[in-house]
Amino acid sequence: MKRLAGHGAGAVLVAVPLGLALAGPLLAGEPAARSASFTLGAGHPLGTDFVGRDVLRQVLLGGRSVVLVALAATALAYLVALPLGLISALTHRRWLEELLMRPLDVVLAVPSLLMILLVATAFPPGASGVVLLVALVSVPDAARIVRAAAAEAASGPAVEALRMQGESWWRIAVGHVGRSALRTLAADAGTRLTGALHMVATAAFLGIGVASDASDWAVMVDRNRPGLLIQPWAVVVPALLVVALTVGANLLVDASTQNRPPHRKPRRP
């Protein structure tokens, strides 16, 4: 029952912001004439923002640049971190492990905000640049998690037996070691998505890859803060959508990785 409740609550919380990110631009319609800043009513269900645009339309348009960029950055980070972590866990060559992991430790030593500022100059502006930037910042930590999760299985007798049988590295790494670390990686994926959302929002706050008046949930929260007490919906609604996606993703992961209770056969009378 607890697992079902976690799955249900997580699915609902994830479905709302994800659905708005995918279908919102199709429902936004044509832009209306601008009104006064931070007003309520007058044909605007959620009021107007700091430049007089309809907040509801901005909410429908602003999810794609946050949600899809964070999802793409998380997927790209694992696409790079998985082979790095698995190779490091399975190799018997110390020099190869040092060659793979020590540069990642150097990147980890640099604060993520400073890394964003330094690397942003090397990437082109736009969503693709933010995806590459967030993925680059996320790879070192994700690779260390993969290596730590796979280390125990990689040093076990099953791996030695598979090597003696002449199994390919791909089958050993993915078929056995990767599957044994799947639960840990699934739990880390929720945290990694949360971190990606935070970094995407930080990049938007700093104006990296996103215009200062763009239709973006993170930009809406930042730019509409001066009118929070006058017209709160311009800040509260996009902030709640980001929080819902973060909490929902973690609820789904937690519910999926919980141990199932053992099945007991009923006693015969």
Protein backbone atom coordinates (compact mmCIF):
# COMPACT_ATOMS: atom_id res chain seq x y z
CA MET A 1 0.00 0.00 0.00
CA LYS A 2 2.82 2.40 0.87
CA ARG A 3 4.56 1.67 -2.44
CA LEU A 4 1.33 2.30 -4.36
CA ALA A 5 0.79 5.58 -2.54
CA GLY A 6 4.34 6.68 -3.34
CA HIS A 7 3.95 5.73 -6.98
CA GLY A 8 0.60 7.50 -7.25
CA ALA A 9 1.70 10.72 -5.57
CA GLY A 10 4.97 10.79 -7.52
CA ALA A 11 3.24 10.13 -10.84
CA VAL A 12 0.76 12.96 -10.28
CA LEU A 13 3.45 15.42 -9.20
CA VAL A 14 5.64 14.56 -12.19
CA ALA A 15 2.80 14.43 -14.73
CA VAL A 16 1.64 18.02 -14.17
CA PRO A 17 4.93 19.88 -14.88
CA LEU A 18 6.02 17.35 -17.50
CA GLY A 19 2.68 17.61 -19.28
CA LEU A 20 2.86 21.41 -19.24
CA ALA A 21 6.41 21.29 -20.58
CA LEU A 22 5.38 19.06 -23.49
CA ALA A 23 1.90 20.33 -24.34
CA GLY A 24 2.05 23.86 -22.94
CA PRO A 25 3.39 25.56 -26.08
CA LEU A 26 0.57 23.98 -28.10
CA LEU A 27 -2.03 25.38 -25.69
CA ALA A 28 -0.54 28.83 -25.22
CA GLY A 29 -2.13 30.42 -28.26
CA GLU A 30 -1.22 33.78 -29.70
CA PRO A 31 0.22 36.50 -27.44
CA ALA A 32 -2.27 39.10 -26.24
CA ALA A 33 -1.69 42.80 -25.86
CA ARG A 34 0.40 43.67 -22.81
CA SER A 35 -1.21 45.22 -19.77
CA ALA A 36 0.15 46.98 -16.72
CA SER A 37 2.80 45.16 -14.71
CA PHE A 38 1.81 42.99 -11.73
CA THR A 39 -1.96 43.25 -12.10
CA LEU A 40 -4.69 40.72 -11.30
CA GLY A 41 -7.86 40.04 -13.28
CA ALA A 42 -8.70 41.96 -16.47
CA GLY A 43 -8.76 38.79 -18.57
CA HIS A 44 -5.62 37.31 -17.00
CA PRO A 45 -6.46 34.33 -14.71
CA LEU A 46 -3.00 34.40 -13.09
CA GLY A 47 -2.39 38.11 -13.57
CA THR A 48 0.48 39.75 -15.45
CA ASP A 49 4.23 39.62 -14.97
CA PHE A 50 6.88 42.31 -14.62
CA VAL A 51 6.48 43.48 -18.23
CA GLY A 52 2.69 43.08 -18.44
CA ARG A 53 2.53 39.67 -20.14
CA ASP A 54 -0.10 37.09 -19.26
CA VAL A 55 1.34 34.81 -16.56
CA LEU A 56 -0.74 31.80 -17.60
CA ARG A 57 0.67 31.94 -21.12
CA GLN A 58 4.20 32.33 -19.78
CA VAL A 59 3.69 29.28 -17.55
CA LEU A 60 2.53 27.24 -20.54
CA LEU A 61 5.56 28.34 -22.56
CA GLY A 62 8.19 28.26 -19.82
CA GLY A 63 8.41 24.58 -18.88
CA ARG A 64 10.17 23.22 -21.93
CA SER A 65 13.36 25.20 -21.36
CA VAL A 66 13.64 24.01 -17.73
CA VAL A 67 12.23 20.48 -17.61
CA LEU A 68 13.47 19.13 -20.93
CA VAL A 69 16.89 20.73 -20.52
CA ALA A 70 17.28 19.19 -17.04
CA LEU A 71 16.16 15.76 -18.29
CA ALA A 72 18.49 15.93 -21.29
CA ALA A 73 21.41 17.06 -19.13
CA THR A 74 20.82 14.23 -16.63
CA ALA A 75 20.64 11.64 -19.41
CA LEU A 76 23.80 13.00 -21.06
CA ALA A 77 25.66 13.01 -17.73
CA TYR A 78 24.87 9.32 -17.14
CA LEU A 79 25.71 8.49 -20.75
CA VAL A 80 29.26 9.68 -20.03
CA ALA A 81 29.48 8.67 -16.34
CA LEU A 82 28.31 5.05 -16.75
CA PRO A 83 31.21 3.85 -18.95
CA LEU A 84 33.73 5.84 -16.90
CA GLY A 85 32.51 4.37 -13.61
CA LEU A 86 32.18 0.81 -14.91
CA ILE A 87 35.63 0.83 -16.54
CA SER A 88 37.17 2.20 -13.36
CA ALA A 89 35.44 -0.45 -11.21
CA LEU A 90 36.30 -3.39 -13.48
CA THR A 91 39.84 -2.60 -14.51
CA HIS A 92 42.84 -4.27 -12.87
CA ARG A 93 45.18 -1.58 -14.18
CA ARG A 94 45.79 1.03 -11.50
CA TRP A 95 47.12 3.58 -13.96
CA LEU A 96 43.91 3.43 -16.02
CA GLU A 97 41.75 3.99 -12.93
CA GLU A 98 43.90 6.97 -11.92
CA LEU A 99 43.76 8.33 -15.45
CA LEU A 100 39.95 8.20 -15.46
CA MET A 101 39.11 9.33 -11.93
CA ARG A 102 41.74 11.89 -10.91
CA PRO A 103 40.71 14.53 -13.50
CA LEU A 104 37.13 14.14 -12.25
CA ASP A 105 38.32 14.81 -8.69
CA VAL A 106 39.86 18.07 -9.89
CA VAL A 107 36.55 19.12 -11.44
CA LEU A 108 34.73 18.20 -8.22
CA ALA A 109 37.01 20.49 -6.25
CA VAL A 110 35.72 23.51 -8.19
CA PRO A 111 32.37 24.90 -6.92
CA SER A 112 29.56 24.26 -9.38
CA LEU A 113 28.60 27.93 -9.59
CA LEU A 114 32.16 28.91 -10.46
CA MET A 115 32.31 26.07 -12.98
CA ILE A 116 29.11 27.34 -14.61
CA LEU A 117 30.56 30.83 -14.92
CA LEU A 118 33.88 29.58 -16.29
CA VAL A 119 32.53 27.05 -18.77
CA ALA A 120 29.61 29.17 -20.00
CA THR A 121 31.98 31.26 -22.09
CA ALA A 122 33.07 28.17 -24.04
CA PHE A 123 29.58 26.94 -24.94
CA PRO A 124 27.23 28.52 -27.46
CA PRO A 125 24.19 30.33 -26.05
CA GLY A 126 20.89 28.50 -26.07
CA ALA A 127 19.41 25.30 -24.71
CA SER A 128 22.12 23.05 -26.17
CA GLY A 129 24.82 25.04 -24.39
CA VAL A 130 23.00 24.75 -21.05
CA VAL A 131 22.57 20.97 -21.53
CA LEU A 132 26.28 20.53 -22.19
CA LEU A 133 27.19 22.80 -19.30
CA VAL A 134 24.99 21.07 -16.71
CA ALA A 135 26.02 17.61 -17.93
CA LEU A 136 29.70 18.51 -17.65
CA VAL A 137 29.24 19.70 -14.07
CA SER A 138 27.27 16.54 -13.18
CA VAL A 139 29.56 13.92 -14.73
CA PRO A 140 32.29 13.75 -12.02
CA ASP A 141 29.93 13.09 -9.13
CA ALA A 142 27.80 10.66 -11.17
CA ALA A 143 30.88 8.70 -12.27
CA ARG A 144 32.04 8.31 -8.67
CA ILE A 145 28.58 7.04 -7.67
CA VAL A 146 28.65 4.51 -10.51
CA ARG A 147 32.12 3.32 -9.54
CA ALA A 148 31.21 2.98 -5.85
CA ALA A 149 27.97 1.14 -6.63
CA ALA A 150 29.70 -1.28 -9.01
CA ALA A 151 32.88 -1.87 -6.98
CA GLU A 152 31.52 -4.70 -4.80
CA ALA A 153 30.05 -6.69 -7.68
CA ALA A 154 33.11 -6.04 -9.86
CA SER A 155 35.43 -7.65 -7.29
CA GLY A 156 33.17 -10.63 -6.57
CA PRO A 157 33.67 -14.25 -7.58
CA ALA A 158 30.89 -14.10 -10.18
CA VAL A 159 32.89 -11.65 -12.29
CA GLU A 160 35.99 -13.86 -12.09
CA ALA A 161 33.90 -16.84 -13.16
CA LEU A 162 32.49 -14.91 -16.12
CA ARG A 163 36.00 -13.87 -17.17
CA MET A 164 37.23 -17.46 -16.99
CA GLN A 165 34.32 -18.49 -19.20
CA GLY A 166 35.44 -15.96 -21.80
CA GLU A 167 32.43 -13.65 -21.51
CA SER A 168 32.73 -10.26 -23.21
CA TRP A 169 33.45 -7.12 -21.23
CA TRP A 170 30.10 -5.71 -22.29
CA ARG A 171 28.19 -8.66 -20.86
CA ILE A 172 30.14 -8.55 -17.61
CA ALA A 173 29.87 -4.77 -17.18
CA VAL A 174 26.26 -4.28 -18.20
CA GLY A 175 24.71 -7.69 -17.70
CA HIS A 176 26.09 -8.39 -14.22
CA VAL A 177 27.87 -5.42 -12.62
CA GLY A 178 25.51 -2.78 -14.01
CA ARG A 179 22.41 -4.73 -12.97
CA SER A 180 23.73 -5.17 -9.43
CA ALA A 181 24.20 -1.40 -9.13
CA LEU A 182 20.87 -0.52 -10.75
CA ARG A 183 19.00 0.20 -7.51
CA THR A 184 21.68 2.59 -6.25
CA LEU A 185 21.83 4.34 -9.61
CA ALA A 186 18.05 4.68 -9.74
CA ALA A 187 18.08 6.36 -6.33
CA ASP A 188 20.90 8.63 -7.46
CA ALA A 189 19.00 9.56 -10.63
CA GLY A 190 16.34 11.38 -8.60
CA THR A 191 18.99 13.37 -6.76
CA ARG A 192 20.85 14.01 -10.00
CA LEU A 193 17.69 15.36 -11.67
CA THR A 194 17.13 17.65 -8.69
CA GLY A 195 20.68 18.96 -9.00
CA ALA A 196 20.23 19.44 -12.75
CA LEU A 197 17.05 21.45 -12.18
CA HIS A 198 18.89 23.58 -9.64
CA MET A 199 21.78 24.24 -12.03
CA VAL A 200 19.46 25.01 -14.95
CA ALA A 201 17.59 27.47 -12.74
CA THR A 202 20.89 28.98 -11.56
CA ALA A 203 22.06 29.39 -15.15
CA ALA A 204 18.75 31.07 -16.00
CA PHE A 205 19.07 33.41 -13.00
CA LEU A 206 22.54 34.40 -14.25
CA GLY A 207 21.29 34.88 -17.80
CA ILE A 208 23.44 32.05 -19.20
CA GLY A 209 21.85 30.64 -22.32
CA VAL A 210 18.47 32.25 -21.56
CA ALA A 211 17.36 35.81 -22.27
CA SER A 212 16.47 37.95 -19.28
CA ASP A 213 12.82 38.19 -20.40
CA ALA A 214 12.48 34.64 -21.78
CA SER A 215 9.44 32.44 -21.16
CA ASP A 216 11.16 30.24 -18.61
CA TRP A 217 9.98 29.11 -15.18
CA ALA A 218 13.31 29.92 -13.54
CA VAL A 219 13.46 33.33 -15.19
CA MET A 220 9.86 33.99 -14.09
CA VAL A 221 10.73 33.29 -10.46
CA ASP A 222 13.75 35.57 -10.60
CA ARG A 223 12.33 38.48 -12.59
CA ASN A 224 8.96 38.64 -10.85
CA ARG A 225 10.29 38.67 -7.30
CA PRO A 226 9.90 42.45 -6.90
CA GLY A 227 6.11 42.07 -7.28
CA LEU A 228 5.73 39.03 -5.02
CA LEU A 229 3.57 40.85 -2.49
CA ILE A 230 1.50 42.57 -5.19
CA GLN A 231 0.98 39.71 -7.64
CA PRO A 232 2.30 36.45 -6.12
CA TRP A 233 1.10 34.04 -8.84
CA ALA A 234 3.86 35.08 -11.22
CA VAL A 235 6.38 33.63 -8.73
CA VAL A 236 4.41 30.99 -6.83
CA VAL A 237 3.07 29.01 -9.82
CA PRO A 238 6.38 28.41 -11.65
CA ALA A 239 8.16 27.75 -8.36
CA LEU A 240 5.55 25.15 -7.36
CA LEU A 241 5.87 23.43 -10.74
CA VAL A 242 9.65 23.06 -10.33
CA VAL A 243 9.18 21.79 -6.77
CA ALA A 244 6.48 19.33 -7.90
CA LEU A 245 8.77 17.84 -10.54
CA THR A 246 11.63 17.49 -8.06
CA VAL A 247 9.56 15.95 -5.26
CA GLY A 248 7.59 13.72 -7.64
CA ALA A 249 10.72 12.31 -9.27
CA ASN A 250 12.21 11.45 -5.89
CA LEU A 251 8.95 9.87 -4.70
CA LEU A 252 8.85 7.65 -7.79
CA VAL A 253 12.47 6.60 -7.32
CA ASP A 254 12.01 5.93 -3.60
CA ALA A 255 8.88 3.87 -4.18
CA SER A 256 10.58 1.88 -6.95
CA THR A 257 13.70 1.05 -4.90
CA GLN A 258 11.97 -0.01 -1.68
CA ASN A 259 12.39 -3.63 -0.73
CA ARG A 260 9.25 -5.65 -1.28
CA PRO A 261 8.02 -7.63 1.71
CA PRO A 262 8.55 -11.38 1.39
CA HIS A 263 5.61 -13.31 0.03
CA ARG A 264 4.25 -15.77 2.54
CA LYS A 265 2.13 -18.68 1.56
CA PRO A 266 -1.06 -19.08 3.60
CA ARG A 267 -1.04 -21.93 6.05
CA ARG A 268 -3.18 -24.90 5.29
CA PRO A 269 -5.95 -25.53 7.81
